[in-house]
Protein backbone atom coordinates (compact mmCIF):
# COMPACT_ATOMS: atom_id res chain seq x y z
CA MET A 1 103.12 -42.50 175.19
CA ASP A 2 103.57 -42.54 171.44
CA LYS A 3 107.37 -42.57 171.95
CA MET A 4 107.09 -45.52 174.37
CA ASN A 5 104.98 -47.48 171.91
CA HIS A 6 107.38 -46.69 169.09
CA SER A 7 110.28 -47.93 171.22
CA SER A 8 108.58 -51.16 172.20
CA ALA A 9 107.74 -51.85 168.59
CA GLU A 10 111.35 -51.28 167.59
CA ALA A 11 112.49 -53.68 170.38
CA GLU A 12 109.98 -56.28 169.25
CA ALA A 13 111.17 -55.97 165.64
CA GLU A 14 114.76 -56.46 166.73
CA THR A 15 113.92 -59.74 168.54
CA ILE A 16 112.16 -61.32 165.54
CA GLU A 17 114.05 -64.59 164.82
CA PRO A 18 114.99 -65.42 161.25
CA LEU A 19 112.98 -67.97 159.32
CA ARG A 20 114.20 -71.55 159.85
CA TYR A 21 115.29 -73.59 156.89
CA LEU A 22 114.82 -77.37 157.35
CA SER A 23 117.18 -80.30 156.88
CA LYS A 24 116.00 -83.53 155.28
CA GLY A 25 115.64 -85.18 158.66
CA GLU A 26 113.51 -82.37 160.02
CA VAL A 27 111.22 -82.46 156.98
CA ALA A 28 110.58 -86.20 157.60
CA ALA A 29 110.10 -85.77 161.36
CA ILE A 30 107.52 -82.92 160.99
CA GLU A 31 105.55 -84.92 158.43
CA THR A 32 105.57 -87.97 160.74
CA GLU A 33 104.26 -85.89 163.60
CA LEU A 34 101.53 -84.41 161.46
CA LEU A 35 100.35 -87.84 160.36
CA LYS A 36 100.72 -89.77 163.64
CA ASP A 37 100.35 -87.28 166.47
CA TYR A 38 98.07 -84.65 164.91
CA ARG A 39 96.10 -87.17 162.88
CA PHE A 40 96.36 -85.39 159.59
CA GLY A 41 95.59 -87.70 156.68
CA GLN A 42 98.02 -88.07 153.74
CA GLN A 43 95.23 -87.14 151.33
CA GLN A 44 94.42 -84.12 153.45
CA LEU A 45 98.01 -82.81 153.45
CA THR A 46 98.38 -83.43 149.72
CA GLU A 47 95.21 -81.52 149.03
CA ILE A 48 96.32 -78.59 151.23
CA TRP A 49 99.71 -78.42 149.56
CA GLY A 50 98.42 -78.87 145.99
CA GLN A 51 95.79 -76.21 146.32
CA ALA A 52 98.37 -73.84 147.78
CA CYS A 53 100.68 -74.53 144.85
CA ALA A 54 97.88 -73.61 142.44
CA HIS A 55 97.32 -70.36 144.33
CA ALA A 56 101.01 -69.59 144.14
CA ILE A 57 100.85 -70.09 140.34
CA THR A 58 97.94 -67.68 140.06
CA LYS A 59 99.94 -65.08 142.00
CA ALA A 60 103.18 -65.51 140.08
CA TYR A 61 101.54 -65.93 136.64
CA PRO A 62 98.05 -64.33 136.66
CA LEU A 63 95.87 -65.20 133.66
CA SER A 64 96.07 -61.61 132.42
CA SER A 65 99.91 -61.73 132.29
CA LEU A 66 100.31 -64.89 130.17
CA SER A 67 101.85 -64.25 126.76
CA LYS A 68 100.17 -67.05 124.83
CA LYS A 69 96.56 -66.95 123.64
CA GLN A 70 95.64 -69.99 125.66
CA PRO A 71 96.49 -70.16 129.42
CA THR A 72 98.42 -73.40 129.02
CA VAL A 73 100.46 -74.90 131.82
CA LEU A 74 102.47 -78.17 131.70
CA VAL A 75 102.61 -80.04 135.06
CA ILE A 76 105.35 -82.69 135.20
CA CYS A 77 104.60 -85.21 137.99
CA GLY A 78 106.87 -87.80 139.60
CA PRO A 79 105.88 -91.08 141.15
CA ASP A 80 105.94 -90.04 144.82
CA GLN A 81 104.40 -87.35 147.01
CA ASN A 82 105.50 -84.39 144.88
CA GLY A 83 103.78 -86.03 141.96
CA SER A 84 100.50 -86.34 143.88
CA ILE A 85 100.79 -82.64 144.92
CA GLY A 86 101.28 -81.82 141.19
CA LEU A 87 98.07 -83.64 140.30
CA VAL A 88 96.12 -81.71 142.87
CA CYS A 89 97.72 -78.49 141.66
CA ALA A 90 96.67 -79.24 138.12
CA ARG A 91 93.07 -79.90 139.15
CA HIS A 92 92.86 -76.55 141.01
CA LEU A 93 94.48 -74.71 138.13
CA ARG A 94 91.73 -76.13 135.91
CA ILE A 95 89.15 -74.72 138.37
CA PHE A 96 90.91 -71.37 138.20
CA GLU A 97 90.51 -71.38 134.40
CA TYR A 98 94.00 -72.30 133.36
CA GLU A 99 94.53 -75.10 130.84
CA PRO A 100 96.86 -77.64 132.49
CA THR A 101 98.36 -80.61 130.73
CA ILE A 102 99.98 -83.33 132.81
CA TYR A 103 103.07 -85.39 131.96
CA HIS A 104 103.19 -88.35 134.35
CA PRO A 105 105.68 -90.88 132.94
CA LYS A 106 105.70 -93.36 135.82
CA ARG A 107 102.39 -93.68 137.53
CA SER A 108 102.36 -94.90 141.12
CA SER A 109 100.42 -97.93 142.23
CA HIS A 110 99.54 -96.18 145.46
CA SER A 111 95.74 -95.86 145.76
CA LEU A 112 95.93 -92.18 146.77
CA HIS A 113 98.00 -91.35 143.69
CA GLN A 114 95.51 -93.20 141.53
CA ASP A 115 92.62 -91.36 143.07
CA PHE A 116 94.17 -87.94 142.29
CA THR A 117 94.88 -89.17 138.72
CA VAL A 118 91.24 -90.17 138.19
CA GLN A 119 90.05 -86.80 139.56
CA CYS A 120 92.18 -85.07 136.87
CA GLU A 121 90.94 -87.41 134.13
CA LYS A 122 87.34 -86.75 135.18
CA MET A 123 87.99 -83.04 134.74
CA ASP A 124 89.17 -83.68 131.18
CA ILE A 125 92.74 -82.62 131.90
CA PRO A 126 94.91 -84.13 129.11
CA PHE A 127 97.86 -86.40 129.90
CA LEU A 128 100.87 -86.45 127.56
CA SER A 129 102.11 -89.87 126.51
CA TYR A 130 105.67 -88.51 126.07
CA LEU A 131 107.59 -85.28 126.62
CA PRO A 132 108.90 -83.73 123.41
CA THR A 133 112.69 -83.70 123.28
CA GLU A 134 112.39 -80.85 120.82
CA VAL A 135 112.65 -77.98 123.26
CA GLN A 136 110.97 -75.45 120.95
CA LEU A 137 107.75 -77.50 120.96
CA ILE A 138 107.50 -76.97 124.74
CA ASN A 139 108.45 -73.26 124.48
CA ASP A 140 105.69 -72.77 121.85
CA ALA A 141 102.99 -74.75 123.61
CA TYR A 142 103.12 -73.68 127.30
CA ASN A 143 103.31 -70.51 129.38
CA VAL A 144 104.71 -72.20 132.46
CA VAL A 145 106.17 -75.60 133.40
CA ILE A 146 105.44 -76.87 136.94
CA ASP A 147 108.11 -79.16 138.27
CA ALA A 148 106.44 -81.63 140.62
CA MET A 149 108.82 -84.54 140.00
CA LEU A 150 111.33 -85.22 142.71
CA GLY A 151 110.66 -84.09 146.21
CA PRO A 152 112.72 -83.88 149.44
CA GLU A 153 112.86 -87.68 149.74
CA ALA A 154 114.63 -88.10 146.36
CA ASP A 155 118.26 -89.16 146.09
CA CYS A 156 119.63 -86.40 143.87
CA ALA A 157 122.90 -88.29 143.31
CA ASN A 158 121.08 -91.24 141.77
CA ILE A 159 118.40 -89.86 139.43
CA LYS A 160 117.37 -92.46 136.87
CA GLU A 161 115.41 -92.31 133.65
CA PRO A 162 113.00 -91.00 132.70
CA TYR A 163 113.67 -88.18 135.17
CA SER A 164 117.33 -87.63 134.25
CA GLY A 165 116.24 -87.07 130.66
CA ILE A 166 113.38 -84.79 131.67
CA LEU A 167 115.80 -82.67 133.72
CA SER A 168 118.15 -82.35 130.69
CA THR A 169 115.16 -81.05 128.67
CA LEU A 170 114.09 -78.60 131.45
CA LYS A 171 117.56 -77.11 131.57
CA GLN A 172 117.17 -76.10 127.93
CA ILE A 173 113.67 -74.64 127.81
CA LYS A 174 112.95 -70.92 127.78
CA VAL A 175 109.52 -71.26 129.47
CA PRO A 176 109.60 -70.30 133.19
CA ILE A 177 109.70 -73.21 135.63
CA ALA A 178 107.93 -73.24 138.98
CA SER A 179 109.17 -75.98 141.31
CA VAL A 180 107.22 -77.64 144.11
CA ASP A 181 109.01 -77.68 147.48
CA VAL A 182 112.47 -78.67 146.20
CA PRO A 183 113.58 -78.15 142.60
CA SER A 184 114.02 -81.57 141.00
CA GLY A 185 117.63 -82.68 141.03
CA TRP A 186 118.60 -80.36 143.91
CA ASP A 187 119.92 -81.71 147.19
CA VAL A 188 117.49 -80.78 149.95
CA GLU A 189 120.24 -79.24 152.08
CA GLU A 190 122.43 -77.54 149.45
CA PRO A 191 121.77 -75.12 146.56
CA SER A 192 122.33 -76.67 143.14
CA GLN A 193 125.28 -75.69 141.03
CA ASP A 194 124.22 -77.28 137.76
CA GLY A 195 120.54 -78.26 138.21
CA ILE A 196 117.47 -76.70 136.75
CA ASN A 197 116.94 -72.99 137.46
CA PRO A 198 113.34 -72.35 138.43
CA GLU A 199 111.87 -68.83 138.34
CA VAL A 200 109.45 -69.69 141.14
CA LEU A 201 109.84 -71.96 144.22
CA ILE A 202 106.82 -73.02 146.33
CA SER A 203 108.05 -74.21 149.68
CA LEU A 204 105.65 -76.49 151.55
CA THR A 205 105.27 -76.37 155.39
CA ALA A 206 108.63 -74.57 155.81
CA PRO A 207 111.46 -73.82 153.42
CA LYS A 208 114.32 -76.34 152.99
CA LYS A 209 118.02 -75.50 153.36
CA CYS A 210 118.56 -75.66 149.64
CA ALA A 211 116.33 -72.54 149.33
CA MET A 212 118.51 -70.29 151.45
CA SER A 213 120.20 -68.73 148.44
CA PHE A 214 117.25 -68.98 146.06
CA SER A 215 116.95 -65.67 144.25
CA GLY A 216 113.65 -66.10 142.32
CA LYS A 217 110.10 -65.61 143.48
CA HIS A 218 109.75 -67.73 146.63
CA TYR A 219 106.35 -68.65 148.15
CA LEU A 220 105.64 -70.47 151.43
CA ALA A 221 102.57 -72.62 152.08
CA GLY A 222 102.63 -73.52 155.72
CA ARG A 223 99.82 -71.63 157.39
CA PHE A 224 98.01 -74.87 158.36
CA LEU A 225 100.95 -76.01 160.52
CA PRO A 226 99.88 -76.42 164.24
CA TYR A 227 101.48 -73.83 166.50
CA ASP A 228 103.05 -76.42 168.80
CA ILE A 229 104.98 -77.86 165.86
CA GLN A 230 106.06 -74.40 164.80
CA LYS A 231 107.28 -73.75 168.35
CA LYS A 232 109.00 -77.17 168.79
CA TYR A 233 111.08 -76.79 165.60
CA GLU A 234 111.59 -73.01 166.07
CA LEU A 235 110.34 -72.36 162.55
CA ASN A 236 109.78 -68.62 163.10
CA LEU A 237 107.21 -68.61 160.31
CA PRO A 238 106.14 -65.16 159.02
CA ASP A 239 102.69 -63.67 159.53
CA TYR A 240 100.47 -64.60 156.61
CA PRO A 241 98.44 -61.75 155.05
CA GLY A 242 94.70 -61.69 155.66
CA THR A 243 93.23 -65.18 155.10
CA ASP A 244 95.88 -66.23 152.49
CA CYS A 245 97.23 -69.78 152.68
CA LEU A 246 100.58 -68.71 151.36
CA ILE A 247 102.98 -65.83 151.54
CA GLU A 248 105.76 -64.52 149.30
CA LEU A 249 109.05 -64.49 151.14
């Protein structure tokens, strides 16, 4: 009996399909289904993703492991969805007793984005008025930089200021970078040859094609995804441990 069970377990292991990496079109299609067919709200999704990002930071960089006296984290937010996720991430990091600072050079006029900004301000999270171009100032001040600038929807071939300048600075810093969903400046479907080099990548919903050759610490936050969507897109998501909202790939 034991031998039979062992054989069936082996057969099951052999039939496990590999994790699916998404194209830009699939990313947009899944999000549209979540919003329209499954009636998720944009604020709800952003909160789920931002909180999961904060959890990933606590796993990759526990408070006890930080080299600086203060648990400082710099969160760089863009004007679109990734920026909103960064704002939520910063708020949860504050709750987890980190000391986030936000750099948000172009604030969105979208009411949701403004709501998340106010929530951070009400928690006394400081906002930088400019990003130091002196790289050593960033190295000295922060333990980690969270890249929440340009998400899957960004046109990586046409990155304008201030983000092109920020990316130039990030390429020079010694502080580890953790990127949200897609490292800023990377094409969603192809690994970057000369972009920033994050130490940590936090994929949202399912990993993107550009992450296939990512060699750093890679977390996935997609446990909330309805099973029918997982099945439709053949995502083959891994089993999440316990009650965790994310898993290290």
